[in-house]
Each structure stands twice: as C-alpha cells, then as structure tokens.
Amino acid sequence: MTDETIRAKLSGIRCFLLDMDGTFYLGDRIIPGGLEFLDVLENGFKEFFDKEVPSNPLKAEYLIPVFIGELLEQGKMSVKVLKTNDTWYGMTYHEDVASVKDSFRKMQENGVYKADLFSDL
C-alpha cells in the first residue's frame, strides 16, 4: 500500500495513528493526533505505575496493546487496522539480525528499497 493510498483512506477521518513500532511521523511531519495520543498513553502509564508497579516492581510491564484493548473495551477509542501485503521484520534477539539483514538485502536486489534509503531526502 502506498503513502498516497493510505492518505486517501484516512482523509476526512480524525484519528490517532500508531503503528506497531510506535511511529508518529509521516515523512518529516508528525501524524495528526499523534501528540494527543501520547498524552493518553502517558496518563495510562501514570495510572499503571501507581497500581501495578508497587506490587511487582521487577515484573510490571506497561504493554501498549493491552492498554489499547482496555480503552476499546471501555468504548474510549476505536481502531481500524489497515491491511498490507508487506512483511514485518522484527529483531528481538541477536540471532534475528542475520535473517533480517538478508531479507533487506533481497528487497534491495529486487528494487523494493534503494541501497541508500535516504538519498532522496
């Protein structure tokens, strides 16, 4: 899905947009509503910190998907998932680096990405 297609689908919709990696920028501009959503997350974190951390300070985790799920259940927000055929590559462990690098090398070879990703900026 191209940036233009995404912009067309979102035109006229007032929303917060957050990808799974927490990206708040589209090009060099912050996504409209992004800063407001960070305020929502911050307020949720304060509540989480007061409730959860004292009872289990070493294991308490503020999981954004869980927090968003709670907001959905309370009717405080809605979520629209945009479909894509792209593959997400994540690196959790050092052992993941080689396969992710190989995947990006193949995408460069196939013309999906330029060798210098930022050459047109």
PDB file of N, CA and C in Angstrom:
ATOM      1  N   MET A   1       0.852  -1.165   0.000  1.00  0.00           N
ATOM      2  CA  MET A   1       0.000   0.000   0.000  1.00  0.00           C
ATOM      3  C   MET A   1       0.900   1.230   0.000  1.00  0.00           C
ATOM      4  N   THR A   2       0.656   2.161  -0.871  1.00  0.00           N
ATOM      5  CA  THR A   2       1.492   3.351  -0.981  1.00  0.00           C
ATOM      6  C   THR A   2       1.059   4.412   0.025  1.00  0.00           C
ATOM      7  N   ASP A   3       1.943   5.394   0.247  1.00  0.00           N
ATOM      8  CA  ASP A   3       1.598   6.503   1.145  1.00  0.00           C
ATOM      9  C   ASP A   3       0.366   7.233   0.634  1.00  0.00           C
ATOM     10  N   GLU A   4       0.260   7.385  -0.673  1.00  0.00           N
ATOM     11  CA  GLU A   4      -0.889   8.093  -1.242  1.00  0.00           C
ATOM     12  C   GLU A   4      -2.193   7.341  -0.971  1.00  0.00           C
ATOM     13  N   THR A   5      -2.158   6.031  -1.082  1.00  0.00           N
ATOM     14  CA  THR A   5      -3.339   5.217  -0.813  1.00  0.00           C
ATOM     15  C   THR A   5      -3.751   5.338   0.646  1.00  0.00           C
ATOM     16  N   ILE A   6      -2.759   5.287   1.530  1.00  0.00           N
ATOM     17  CA  ILE A   6      -3.047   5.416   2.957  1.00  0.00           C
ATOM     18  C   ILE A   6      -3.640   6.786   3.246  1.00  0.00           C
ATOM     19  N   ARG A   7      -3.033   7.843   2.694  1.00  0.00           N
ATOM     20  CA  ARG A   7      -3.559   9.198   2.917  1.00  0.00           C
ATOM     21  C   ARG A   7      -4.997   9.312   2.411  1.00  0.00           C
ATOM     22  N   ALA A   8      -5.294   8.716   1.255  1.00  0.00           N
ATOM     23  CA  ALA A   8      -6.648   8.775   0.700  1.00  0.00           C
ATOM     24  C   ALA A   8      -7.636   8.066   1.623  1.00  0.00           C
ATOM     25  N   LYS A   9      -7.244   6.914   2.158  1.00  0.00           N
ATOM     26  CA  LYS A   9      -8.137   6.171   3.053  1.00  0.00           C
ATOM     27  C   LYS A   9      -8.390   6.931   4.350  1.00  0.00           C
ATOM     28  N   LEU A  10      -7.400   7.714   4.788  1.00  0.00           N
ATOM     29  CA  LEU A  10      -7.529   8.420   6.057  1.00  0.00           C
ATOM     30  C   LEU A  10      -8.070   9.842   5.915  1.00  0.00           C
ATOM     31  N   SER A  11      -8.192  10.344   4.692  1.00  0.00           N
ATOM     32  CA  SER A  11      -8.644  11.722   4.523  1.00  0.00           C
ATOM     33  C   SER A  11     -10.041  11.896   5.105  1.00  0.00           C
ATOM     34  N   GLY A  12     -10.218  12.955   5.840  1.00  0.00           N
ATOM     35  CA  GLY A  12     -11.513  13.233   6.441  1.00  0.00           C
ATOM     36  C   GLY A  12     -11.783  12.479   7.723  1.00  0.00           C
ATOM     37  N   ILE A  13     -10.857  11.634   8.163  1.00  0.00           N
ATOM     38  CA  ILE A  13     -11.045  10.870   9.393  1.00  0.00           C
ATOM     39  C   ILE A  13     -10.165  11.498  10.469  1.00  0.00           C
ATOM     40  N   ARG A  14     -10.760  11.804  11.603  1.00  0.00           N
ATOM     41  CA  ARG A  14      -9.978  12.320  12.722  1.00  0.00           C
ATOM     42  C   ARG A  14      -9.571  11.106  13.546  1.00  0.00           C
ATOM     43  N   CYS A  15      -8.271  10.859  13.640  1.00  0.00           N
ATOM     44  CA  CYS A  15      -7.859   9.648  14.328  1.00  0.00           C
ATOM     45  C   CYS A  15      -6.472   9.791  14.914  1.00  0.00           C
ATOM     46  N   PHE A  16      -6.148   8.840  15.746  1.00  0.00           N
ATOM     47  CA  PHE A  16      -4.792   8.646  16.212  1.00  0.00           C
ATOM     48  C   PHE A  16      -4.252   7.480  15.409  1.00  0.00           C
ATOM     49  N   LEU A  17      -3.037   7.603  14.932  1.00  0.00           N
ATOM     50  CA  LEU A  17      -2.460   6.526  14.142  1.00  0.00           C
ATOM     51  C   LEU A  17      -1.156   6.109  14.792  1.00  0.00           C
ATOM     52  N   LEU A  18      -1.041   4.846  15.071  1.00  0.00           N
ATOM     53  CA  LEU A  18       0.141   4.314  15.715  1.00  0.00           C
ATOM     54  C   LEU A  18       0.444   2.973  15.089  1.00  0.00           C
ATOM     55  N   ASP A  19       1.636   2.840  14.527  1.00  0.00           N
ATOM     56  CA  ASP A  19       1.958   1.521  14.000  1.00  0.00           C
ATOM     57  C   ASP A  19       2.561   0.688  15.128  1.00  0.00           C
ATOM     58  N   MET A  20       2.812  -0.549  14.851  1.00  0.00           N
ATOM     59  CA  MET A  20       3.256  -1.455  15.900  1.00  0.00           C
ATOM     60  C   MET A  20       4.615  -1.073  16.483  1.00  0.00           C
ATOM     61  N   ASP A  21       5.370  -0.254  15.776  1.00  0.00           N
ATOM     62  CA  ASP A  21       6.660   0.176  16.292  1.00  0.00           C
ATOM     63  C   ASP A  21       6.591   1.532  16.964  1.00  0.00           C
ATOM     64  N   GLY A  22       5.407   2.120  17.025  1.00  0.00           N
ATOM     65  CA  GLY A  22       5.264   3.410  17.685  1.00  0.00           C
ATOM     66  C   GLY A  22       5.658   4.590  16.823  1.00  0.00           C
ATOM     67  N   THR A  23       5.551   4.470  15.512  1.00  0.00           N
ATOM     68  CA  THR A  23       5.913   5.561  14.615  1.00  0.00           C
ATOM     69  C   THR A  23       4.858   6.653  14.671  1.00  0.00           C
ATOM     70  N   PHE A  24       5.302   7.883  14.860  1.00  0.00           N
ATOM     71  CA  PHE A  24       4.389   9.017  14.923  1.00  0.00           C
ATOM     72  C   PHE A  24       4.646  10.025  13.820  1.00  0.00           C
ATOM     73  N   TYR A  25       5.513   9.691  12.883  1.00  0.00           N
ATOM     74  CA  TYR A  25       5.857  10.614  11.821  1.00  0.00           C
ATOM     75  C   TYR A  25       5.496  10.043  10.461  1.00  0.00           C
ATOM     76  N   LEU A  26       5.061  10.908   9.581  1.00  0.00           N
ATOM     77  CA  LEU A  26       4.850  10.558   8.183  1.00  0.00           C
ATOM     78  C   LEU A  26       5.743  11.517   7.420  1.00  0.00           C
ATOM     79  N   GLY A  27       6.850  11.008   6.910  1.00  0.00           N
ATOM     80  CA  GLY A  27       7.850  11.886   6.322  1.00  0.00           C
ATOM     81  C   GLY A  27       8.488  12.686   7.437  1.00  0.00           C
ATOM     82  N   ASP A  28       8.485  13.996   7.295  1.00  0.00           N
ATOM     83  CA  ASP A  28       9.089  14.841   8.316  1.00  0.00           C
ATOM     84  C   ASP A  28       8.048  15.511   9.215  1.00  0.00           C
ATOM     85  N   ARG A  29       6.792  15.078   9.104  1.00  0.00           N
ATOM     86  CA  ARG A  29       5.710  15.680   9.895  1.00  0.00           C
ATOM     87  C   ARG A  29       5.122  14.662  10.852  1.00  0.00           C
ATOM     88  N   ILE A  30       4.772  15.144  12.035  1.00  0.00           N
ATOM     89  CA  ILE A  30       4.127  14.257  12.995  1.00  0.00           C
ATOM     90  C   ILE A  30       2.707  13.977  12.519  1.00  0.00           C
ATOM     91  N   ILE A  31       2.240  12.774  12.692  1.00  0.00           N
ATOM     92  CA  ILE A  31       0.901  12.380  12.271  1.00  0.00           C
ATOM     93  C   ILE A  31      -0.117  13.146  13.113  1.00  0.00           C
ATOM     94  N   PRO A  32      -1.125  13.769  12.486  1.00  0.00           N
ATOM     95  CA  PRO A  32      -2.133  14.498  13.254  1.00  0.00           C
ATOM     96  C   PRO A  32      -2.746  13.600  14.334  1.00  0.00           C
ATOM     97  N   GLY A  33      -2.819  14.141  15.546  1.00  0.00           N
ATOM     98  CA  GLY A  33      -3.354  13.382  16.670  1.00  0.00           C
ATOM     99  C   GLY A  33      -2.294  12.594  17.421  1.00  0.00           C
ATOM    100  N   GLY A  34      -1.095  12.508  16.867  1.00  0.00           N
ATOM    101  CA  GLY A  34      -0.035  11.722  17.499  1.00  0.00           C
ATOM    102  C   GLY A  34       0.338  12.213  18.880  1.00  0.00           C
ATOM    103  N   LEU A  35       0.503  13.525  19.020  1.00  0.00           N
ATOM    104  CA  LEU A  35       0.881  14.069  20.327  1.00  0.00           C
ATOM    105  C   LEU A  35      -0.236  13.893  21.347  1.00  0.00           C
ATOM    106  N   GLU A  36      -1.481  14.043  20.907  1.00  0.00           N
ATOM    107  CA  GLU A  36      -2.612  13.832  21.807  1.00  0.00           C
ATOM    108  C   GLU A  36      -2.664  12.380  22.281  1.00  0.00           C
ATOM    109  N   PHE A  37      -2.356  11.463  21.361  1.00  0.00           N
ATOM    110  CA  PHE A  37      -2.354  10.054  21.741  1.00  0.00           C
ATOM    111  C   PHE A  37      -1.233   9.757  22.729  1.00  0.00           C
ATOM    112  N   LEU A  38      -0.095  10.418  22.574  1.00  0.00           N
ATOM    113  CA  LEU A  38       0.980  10.250  23.554  1.00  0.00           C
ATOM    114  C   LEU A  38       0.522  10.703  24.935  1.00  0.00           C
ATOM    115  N   ASP A  39      -0.300  11.768  24.987  1.00  0.00           N
ATOM    116  CA  ASP A  39      -0.861  12.206  26.272  1.00  0.00           C
ATOM    117  C   ASP A  39      -1.745  11.110  26.873  1.00  0.00           C
ATOM    118  N   VAL A  40      -2.557  10.463  26.037  1.00  0.00           N
ATOM    119  CA  VAL A  40      -3.418   9.370  26.504  1.00  0.00           C
ATOM    120  C   VAL A  40      -2.553   8.241  27.067  1.00  0.00           C
ATOM    121  N   LEU A  41      -1.485   7.890  26.336  1.00  0.00           N
ATOM    122  CA  LEU A  41      -0.586   6.827  26.801  1.00  0.00           C
ATOM    123  C   LEU A  41       0.096   7.221  28.108  1.00  0.00           C
ATOM    124  N   GLU A  42       0.520   8.480  28.198  1.00  0.00           N
ATOM    125  CA  GLU A  42       1.196   8.937  29.408  1.00  0.00           C
ATOM    126  C   GLU A  42       0.265   8.873  30.618  1.00  0.00           C
ATOM    127  N   ASN A  43      -0.969   9.315  30.451  1.00  0.00           N
ATOM    128  CA  ASN A  43      -1.931   9.244  31.557  1.00  0.00           C
ATOM    129  C   ASN A  43      -2.191   7.794  31.961  1.00  0.00           C
ATOM    130  N   GLY A  44      -2.285   6.915  30.968  1.00  0.00           N
ATOM    131  CA  GLY A  44      -2.457   5.489  31.263  1.00  0.00           C
ATOM    132  C   GLY A  44      -1.255   4.927  31.996  1.00  0.00           C
ATOM    133  N   PHE A  45      -0.067   5.401  31.622  1.00  0.00           N
ATOM    134  CA  PHE A  45       1.143   4.926  32.290  1.00  0.00           C
ATOM    135  C   PHE A  45       1.167   5.370  33.746  1.00  0.00           C
ATOM    136  N   LYS A  46       0.763   6.600  33.994  1.00  0.00           N
ATOM    137  CA  LYS A  46       0.743   7.086  35.379  1.00  0.00           C
ATOM    138  C   LYS A  46      -0.173   6.210  36.235  1.00  0.00           C
ATOM    139  N   GLU A  47      -1.348   5.880  35.708  1.00  0.00           N
ATOM    140  CA  GLU A  47      -2.285   5.015  36.433  1.00  0.00           C
ATOM    141  C   GLU A  47      -1.678   3.624  36.639  1.00  0.00           C
ATOM    142  N   PHE A  48      -1.088   3.081  35.568  1.00  0.00           N
ATOM    143  CA  PHE A  48      -0.429   1.776  35.647  1.00  0.00           C
ATOM    144  C   PHE A  48       0.668   1.792  36.706  1.00  0.00           C
ATOM    145  N   PHE A  49       1.486   2.844  36.685  1.00  0.00           N
ATOM    146  CA  PHE A  49       2.614   2.931  37.621  1.00  0.00           C
ATOM    147  C   PHE A  49       2.121   2.954  39.061  1.00  0.00           C
ATOM    148  N   ASP A  50       1.056   3.698  39.310  1.00  0.00           N
ATOM    149  CA  ASP A  50       0.508   3.773  40.666  1.00  0.00           C
ATOM    150  C   ASP A  50      -0.105   2.454  41.120  1.00  0.00           C
ATOM    151  N   LYS A  51      -0.755   1.731  40.190  1.00  0.00           N
ATOM    152  CA  LYS A  51      -1.473   0.495  40.560  1.00  0.00           C
ATOM    153  C   LYS A  51      -0.595  -0.752  40.514  1.00  0.00           C
ATOM    154  N   GLU A  52       0.175  -0.913  39.443  1.00  0.00           N
ATOM    155  CA  GLU A  52       0.855  -2.182  39.185  1.00  0.00           C
ATOM    156  C   GLU A  52       2.283  -2.268  39.718  1.00  0.00           C
ATOM    157  N   VAL A  53       3.026  -1.202  39.615  1.00  0.00           N
ATOM    158  CA  VAL A  53       4.449  -1.263  39.956  1.00  0.00           C
ATOM    159  C   VAL A  53       4.694  -1.539  41.441  1.00  0.00           C
ATOM    160  N   PRO A  54       3.940  -0.920  42.361  1.00  0.00           N
ATOM    161  CA  PRO A  54       4.224  -1.196  43.773  1.00  0.00           C
ATOM    162  C   PRO A  54       4.123  -2.679  44.149  1.00  0.00           C
ATOM    163  N   SER A  55       3.189  -3.412  43.554  1.00  0.00           N
ATOM    164  CA  SER A  55       3.007  -4.814  43.923  1.00  0.00           C
ATOM    165  C   SER A  55       4.002  -5.748  43.241  1.00  0.00           C
ATOM    166  N   ASN A  56       4.586  -5.333  42.125  1.00  0.00           N
ATOM    167  CA  ASN A  56       5.517  -6.198  41.403  1.00  0.00           C
ATOM    168  C   ASN A  56       6.505  -5.350  40.594  1.00  0.00           C
ATOM    169  N   PRO A  57       7.386  -4.617  41.264  1.00  0.00           N
ATOM    170  CA  PRO A  57       8.238  -3.649  40.571  1.00  0.00           C
ATOM    171  C   PRO A  57       9.215  -4.243  39.562  1.00  0.00           C
ATOM    172  N   LEU A  58       9.599  -5.490  39.731  1.00  0.00           N
ATOM    173  CA  LEU A  58      10.571  -6.087  38.808  1.00  0.00           C
ATOM    174  C   LEU A  58       9.921  -6.712  37.576  1.00  0.00           C
ATOM    175  N   LYS A  59       8.641  -7.002  37.644  1.00  0.00           N
ATOM    176  CA  LYS A  59       7.979  -7.699  36.536  1.00  0.00           C
ATOM    177  C   LYS A  59       6.866  -6.891  35.875  1.00  0.00           C
ATOM    178  N   ALA A  60       6.471  -5.769  36.455  1.00  0.00           N
ATOM    179  CA  ALA A  60       5.370  -4.980  35.895  1.00  0.00           C
ATOM    180  C   ALA A  60       5.770  -4.441  34.526  1.00  0.00           C
ATOM    181  N   GLU A  61       4.907  -4.629  33.532  1.00  0.00           N
ATOM    182  CA  GLU A  61       5.160  -4.128  32.175  1.00  0.00           C
ATOM    183  C   GLU A  61       3.946  -3.358  31.685  1.00  0.00           C
ATOM    184  N   TYR A  62       4.200  -2.178  31.154  1.00  0.00           N
ATOM    185  CA  TYR A  62       3.136  -1.365  30.558  1.00  0.00           C
ATOM    186  C   TYR A  62       3.052  -1.758  29.088  1.00  0.00           C
ATOM    187  N   LEU A  63       2.123  -2.632  28.768  1.00  0.00           N
ATOM    188  CA  LEU A  63       2.001  -3.166  27.420  1.00  0.00           C
ATOM    189  C   LEU A  63       0.977  -2.335  26.643  1.00  0.00           C
ATOM    190  N   ILE A  64       1.440  -1.607  25.655  1.00  0.00           N
ATOM    191  CA  ILE A  64       0.560  -0.709  24.906  1.00  0.00           C
ATOM    192  C   ILE A  64      -0.616  -1.462  24.277  1.00  0.00           C
ATOM    193  N   PRO A  65      -0.426  -2.640  23.672  1.00  0.00           N
ATOM    194  CA  PRO A  65      -1.596  -3.345  23.119  1.00  0.00           C
ATOM    195  C   PRO A  65      -2.647  -3.682  24.181  1.00  0.00           C
ATOM    196  N   VAL A  66      -2.206  -4.014  25.391  1.00  0.00           N
ATOM    197  CA  VAL A  66      -3.153  -4.306  26.473  1.00  0.00           C
ATOM    198  C   VAL A  66      -3.898  -3.035  26.860  1.00  0.00           C
ATOM    199  N   PHE A  67      -3.173  -1.921  26.985  1.00  0.00           N
ATOM    200  CA  PHE A  67      -3.803  -0.646  27.339  1.00  0.00           C
ATOM    201  C   PHE A  67      -4.820  -0.232  26.273  1.00  0.00           C
ATOM    202  N   ILE A  68      -4.458  -0.376  25.009  1.00  0.00           N
ATOM    203  CA  ILE A  68      -5.386  -0.038  23.927  1.00  0.00           C
ATOM    204  C   ILE A  68      -6.603  -0.949  23.990  1.00  0.00           C
ATOM    205  N   GLY A  69      -6.398  -2.231  24.278  1.00  0.00           N
ATOM    206  CA  GLY A  69      -7.519  -3.157  24.435  1.00  0.00           C
ATOM    207  C   GLY A  69      -8.475  -2.717  25.533  1.00  0.00           C
ATOM    208  N   GLU A  70      -7.920  -2.225  26.630  1.00  0.00           N
ATOM    209  CA  GLU A  70      -8.765  -1.722  27.719  1.00  0.00           C
ATOM    210  C   GLU A  70      -9.568  -0.500  27.272  1.00  0.00           C
ATOM    211  N   LEU A  71      -8.927   0.408  26.535  1.00  0.00           N
ATOM    212  CA  LEU A  71      -9.636   1.589  26.028  1.00  0.00           C
ATOM    213  C   LEU A  71     -10.743   1.183  25.058  1.00  0.00           C
ATOM    214  N   LEU A  72     -10.486   0.161  24.251  1.00  0.00           N
ATOM    215  CA  LEU A  72     -11.507  -0.341  23.328  1.00  0.00           C
ATOM    216  C   LEU A  72     -12.700  -0.901  24.107  1.00  0.00           C
ATOM    217  N   GLU A  73     -12.415  -1.706  25.122  1.00  0.00           N
ATOM    218  CA  GLU A  73     -13.483  -2.304  25.929  1.00  0.00           C
ATOM    219  C   GLU A  73     -14.327  -1.239  26.617  1.00  0.00           C
ATOM    220  N   GLN A  74     -13.696  -0.125  27.005  1.00  0.00           N
ATOM    221  CA  GLN A  74     -14.397   0.956  27.688  1.00  0.00           C
ATOM    222  C   GLN A  74     -15.110   1.890  26.705  1.00  0.00           C
ATOM    223  N   GLY A  75     -14.944   1.639  25.412  1.00  0.00           N
ATOM    224  CA  GLY A  75     -15.562   2.493  24.401  1.00  0.00           C
ATOM    225  C   GLY A  75     -14.919   3.857  24.283  1.00  0.00           C
ATOM    226  N   LYS A  76     -13.682   3.989  24.752  1.00  0.00           N
ATOM    227  CA  LYS A  76     -12.990   5.278  24.718  1.00  0.00           C
ATOM    228  C   LYS A  76     -12.219   5.506  23.433  1.00  0.00           C
ATOM    229  N   MET A  77     -12.104   4.483  22.609  1.00  0.00           N
ATOM    230  CA  MET A  77     -11.409   4.628  21.335  1.00  0.00           C
ATOM    231  C   MET A  77     -11.868   3.536  20.381  1.00  0.00           C
ATOM    232  N   SER A  78     -11.537   3.718  19.127  1.00  0.00           N
ATOM    233  CA  SER A  78     -11.770   2.677  18.131  1.00  0.00           C
ATOM    234  C   SER A  78     -10.487   2.515  17.331  1.00  0.00           C
ATOM    235  N   VAL A  79     -10.363   1.375  16.716  1.00  0.00           N
ATOM    236  CA  VAL A  79      -9.154   1.061  15.962  1.00  0.00           C
ATOM    237  C   VAL A  79      -9.549   0.550  14.592  1.00  0.00           C
ATOM    238  N   LYS A  80      -8.854   1.023  13.575  1.00  0.00           N
ATOM    239  CA  LYS A  80      -9.018   0.474  12.241  1.00  0.00           C
ATOM    240  C   LYS A  80      -7.657  -0.061  11.808  1.00  0.00           C
ATOM    241  N   VAL A  81      -7.625  -1.297  11.439  1.00  0.00           N
ATOM    242  CA  VAL A  81      -6.386  -1.927  11.007  1.00  0.00           C
ATOM    243  C   VAL A  81      -6.321  -1.840   9.490  1.00  0.00           C
ATOM    244  N   LEU A  82      -5.238  -1.271   8.977  1.00  0.00           N
ATOM    245  CA  LEU A  82      -5.035  -1.174   7.535  1.00  0.00           C
ATOM    246  C   LEU A  82      -4.326  -2.433   7.061  1.00  0.00           C
ATOM    247  N   LYS A  83      -4.870  -3.061   6.054  1.00  0.00           N
ATOM    248  CA  LYS A  83      -4.279  -4.278   5.522  1.00  0.00           C
ATOM    249  C   LYS A  83      -3.072  -3.941   4.647  1.00  0.00           C
ATOM    250  N   THR A  84      -2.112  -4.818   4.663  1.00  0.00           N
ATOM    251  CA  THR A  84      -0.938  -4.669   3.820  1.00  0.00           C
ATOM    252  C   THR A  84      -0.428  -6.057   3.450  1.00  0.00           C
ATOM    253  N   ASN A  85       0.221  -6.140   2.330  1.00  0.00           N
ATOM    254  CA  ASN A  85       0.858  -7.391   1.924  1.00  0.00           C
ATOM    255  C   ASN A  85       2.332  -7.405   2.300  1.00  0.00           C
ATOM    256  N   ASP A  86       2.797  -6.307   2.914  1.00  0.00           N
ATOM    257  CA  ASP A  86       4.196  -6.220   3.307  1.00  0.00           C
ATOM    258  C   ASP A  86       4.482  -7.145   4.482  1.00  0.00           C
ATOM    259  N   THR A  87       5.725  -7.503   4.618  1.00  0.00           N
ATOM    260  CA  THR A  87       6.164  -8.362   5.704  1.00  0.00           C
ATOM    261  C   THR A  87       6.814  -7.514   6.777  1.00  0.00           C
ATOM    262  N   TRP A  88       6.489  -7.792   8.024  1.00  0.00           N
ATOM    263  CA  TRP A  88       7.113  -7.099   9.144  1.00  0.00           C
ATOM    264  C   TRP A  88       8.295  -7.928   9.600  1.00  0.00           C
ATOM    265  N   TYR A  89       9.424  -7.251   9.793  1.00  0.00           N
ATOM    266  CA  TYR A  89      10.624  -7.921  10.269  1.00  0.00           C
ATOM    267  C   TYR A  89      10.980  -7.351  11.632  1.00  0.00           C
ATOM    268  N   GLY A  90      11.068  -8.201  12.627  1.00  0.00           N
ATOM    269  CA  GLY A  90      11.409  -7.736  13.962  1.00  0.00           C
ATOM    270  C   GLY A  90      12.669  -8.404  14.456  1.00  0.00           C
ATOM    271  N   MET A  91      13.362  -7.671  15.294  1.00  0.00           N
ATOM    272  CA  MET A  91      14.569  -8.222  15.904  1.00  0.00           C
ATOM    273  C   MET A  91      14.412  -8.158  17.415  1.00  0.00           C
ATOM    274  N   THR A  92      14.237  -9.300  17.998  1.00  0.00           N
ATOM    275  CA  THR A  92      14.142  -9.389  19.447  1.00  0.00           C
ATOM    276  C   THR A  92      15.458  -9.904  20.022  1.00  0.00           C
ATOM    277  N   TYR A  93      16.036 -10.837  19.331  1.00  0.00           N
ATOM    278  CA  TYR A  93      17.272 -11.463  19.802  1.00  0.00           C
ATOM    279  C   TYR A  93      18.393 -11.220  18.803  1.00  0.00           C
ATOM    280  N   HIS A  94      19.628 -11.265  19.306  1.00  0.00           N
ATOM    281  CA  HIS A  94      20.793 -11.066  18.440  1.00  0.00           C
ATOM    282  C   HIS A  94      20.783 -12.047  17.263  1.00  0.00           C
ATOM    283  N   GLU A  95      20.273 -13.231  17.496  1.00  0.00           N
ATOM    284  CA  GLU A  95      20.234 -14.250  16.452  1.00  0.00           C
ATOM    285  C   GLU A  95      19.327 -13.844  15.280  1.00  0.00           C
ATOM    286  N   ASP A  96      18.424 -12.884  15.491  1.00  0.00           N
ATOM    287  CA  ASP A  96      17.499 -12.433  14.444  1.00  0.00           C
ATOM    288  C   ASP A  96      18.165 -11.519  13.422  1.00  0.00           C
ATOM    289  N   VAL A  97      19.287 -10.919  13.772  1.00  0.00           N
ATOM    290  CA  VAL A  97      19.910  -9.896  12.931  1.00  0.00           C
ATOM    291  C   VAL A  97      20.247 -10.428  11.542  1.00  0.00           C
ATOM    292  N   ALA A  98      20.848 -11.586  11.453  1.00  0.00           N
ATOM    293  CA  ALA A  98      21.289 -12.111  10.156  1.00  0.00           C
ATOM    294  C   ALA A  98      20.123 -12.304   9.193  1.00  0.00           C
ATOM    295  N   SER A  99      19.007 -12.868   9.674  1.00  0.00           N
ATOM    296  CA  SER A  99      17.878 -13.116   8.769  1.00  0.00           C
ATOM    297  C   SER A  99      17.209 -11.811   8.335  1.00  0.00           C
ATOM    298  N   VAL A 100      17.162 -10.825   9.225  1.00  0.00           N
ATOM    299  CA  VAL A 100      16.570  -9.535   8.860  1.00  0.00           C
ATOM    300  C   VAL A 100      17.469  -8.827   7.841  1.00  0.00           C
ATOM    301  N   LYS A 101      18.769  -8.839   8.062  1.00  0.00           N
ATOM    302  CA  LYS A 101      19.698  -8.233   7.095  1.00  0.00           C
ATOM    303  C   LYS A 101      19.559  -8.908   5.732  1.00  0.00           C
ATOM    304  N   ASP A 102      19.454 -10.225   5.729  1.00  0.00           N
ATOM    305  CA  ASP A 102      19.303 -10.961   4.478  1.00  0.00           C
ATOM    306  C   ASP A 102      18.007 -10.578   3.768  1.00  0.00           C
ATOM    307  N   SER A 103      16.932 -10.415   4.520  1.00  0.00           N
ATOM    308  CA  SER A 103      15.651 -10.022   3.936  1.00  0.00           C
ATOM    309  C   SER A 103      15.742  -8.636   3.299  1.00  0.00           C
ATOM    310  N   PHE A 104      16.397  -7.695   3.975  1.00  0.00           N
ATOM    311  CA  PHE A 104      16.552  -6.352   3.413  1.00  0.00           C
ATOM    312  C   PHE A 104      17.480  -6.359   2.207  1.00  0.00           C
ATOM    313  N   ARG A 105      18.510  -7.185   2.234  1.00  0.00           N
ATOM    314  CA  ARG A 105      19.394  -7.297   1.067  1.00  0.00           C
ATOM    315  C   ARG A 105      18.605  -7.770  -0.146  1.00  0.00           C
ATOM    316  N   LYS A 106      17.736  -8.764   0.056  1.00  0.00           N
ATOM    317  CA  LYS A 106      16.913  -9.276  -1.045  1.00  0.00           C
ATOM    318  C   LYS A 106      15.943  -8.208  -1.556  1.00  0.00           C
ATOM    319  N   MET A 107      15.386  -7.408  -0.638  1.00  0.00           N
ATOM    320  CA  MET A 107      14.483  -6.341  -1.081  1.00  0.00           C
ATOM    321  C   MET A 107      15.234  -5.284  -1.880  1.00  0.00           C
ATOM    322  N   GLN A 108      16.477  -5.002  -1.513  1.00  0.00           N
ATOM    323  CA  GLN A 108      17.286  -4.074  -2.301  1.00  0.00           C
ATOM    324  C   GLN A 108      17.551  -4.653  -3.690  1.00  0.00           C
ATOM    325  N   GLU A 109      17.909  -5.931  -3.740  1.00  0.00           N
ATOM    326  CA  GLU A 109      18.172  -6.584  -5.022  1.00  0.00           C
ATOM    327  C   GLU A 109      16.943  -6.576  -5.922  1.00  0.00           C
ATOM    328  N   ASN A 110      15.753  -6.675  -5.332  1.00  0.00           N
ATOM    329  CA  ASN A 110      14.503  -6.688  -6.093  1.00  0.00           C
ATOM    330  C   ASN A 110      13.936  -5.294  -6.351  1.00  0.00           C
ATOM    331  N   GLY A 111      14.669  -4.251  -5.923  1.00  0.00           N
ATOM    332  CA  GLY A 111      14.237  -2.888  -6.195  1.00  0.00           C
ATOM    333  C   GLY A 111      13.175  -2.335  -5.262  1.00  0.00           C
ATOM    334  N   VAL A 112      12.873  -3.045  -4.193  1.00  0.00           N
ATOM    335  CA  VAL A 112      11.892  -2.549  -3.224  1.00  0.00           C
ATOM    336  C   VAL A 112      12.479  -1.358  -2.478  1.00  0.00           C
ATOM    337  N   TYR A 113      13.758  -1.440  -2.100  1.00  0.00           N
ATOM    338  CA  TYR A 113      14.465  -0.368  -1.415  1.00  0.00           C
ATOM    339  C   TYR A 113      15.731  -0.029  -2.179  1.00  0.00           C
ATOM    340  N   LYS A 114      16.112   1.262  -2.126  1.00  0.00           N
ATOM    341  CA  LYS A 114      17.407   1.686  -2.656  1.00  0.00           C
ATOM    342  C   LYS A 114      18.479   1.349  -1.627  1.00  0.00           C
ATOM    343  N   ALA A 115      19.702   1.209  -2.096  1.00  0.00           N
ATOM    344  CA  ALA A 115      20.815   0.937  -1.160  1.00  0.00           C
ATOM    345  C   ALA A 115      20.952   2.075  -0.161  1.00  0.00           C
ATOM    346  N   ASP A 116      20.774   3.327  -0.627  1.00  0.00           N
ATOM    347  CA  ASP A 116      20.796   4.486   0.258  1.00  0.00           C
ATOM    348  C   ASP A 116      19.369   4.933   0.473  1.00  0.00           C
ATOM    349  N   LEU A 117      18.760   4.470   1.547  1.00  0.00           N
ATOM    350  CA  LEU A 117      17.351   4.728   1.799  1.00  0.00           C
ATOM    351  C   LEU A 117      16.997   6.202   1.834  1.00  0.00           C
ATOM    352  N   PHE A 118      17.928   7.053   2.216  1.00  0.00           N
ATOM    353  CA  PHE A 118      17.625   8.464   2.428  1.00  0.00           C
ATOM    354  C   PHE A 118      18.196   9.359   1.334  1.00  0.00           C
ATOM    355  N   SER A 119      18.567   8.788   0.213  1.00  0.00           N
ATOM    356  CA  SER A 119      19.186   9.583  -0.850  1.00  0.00           C
ATOM    357  C   SER A 119      18.258  10.617  -1.450  1.00  0.00           C
ATOM    358  N   ASP A 120      16.955  10.414  -1.341  1.00  0.00           N
ATOM    359  CA  ASP A 120      16.018  11.362  -1.958  1.00  0.00           C
ATOM    360  C   ASP A 120      15.504  12.412  -0.972  1.00  0.00           C
ATOM    361  N   LEU A 121      16.059  12.449   0.229  1.00  0.00           N
ATOM    362  CA  LEU A 121      15.620  13.444   1.220  1.00  0.00           C
ATOM    363  C   LEU A 121      16.413  14.719   1.115  1.00  0.00           C
TER     364      LEU A 121
END
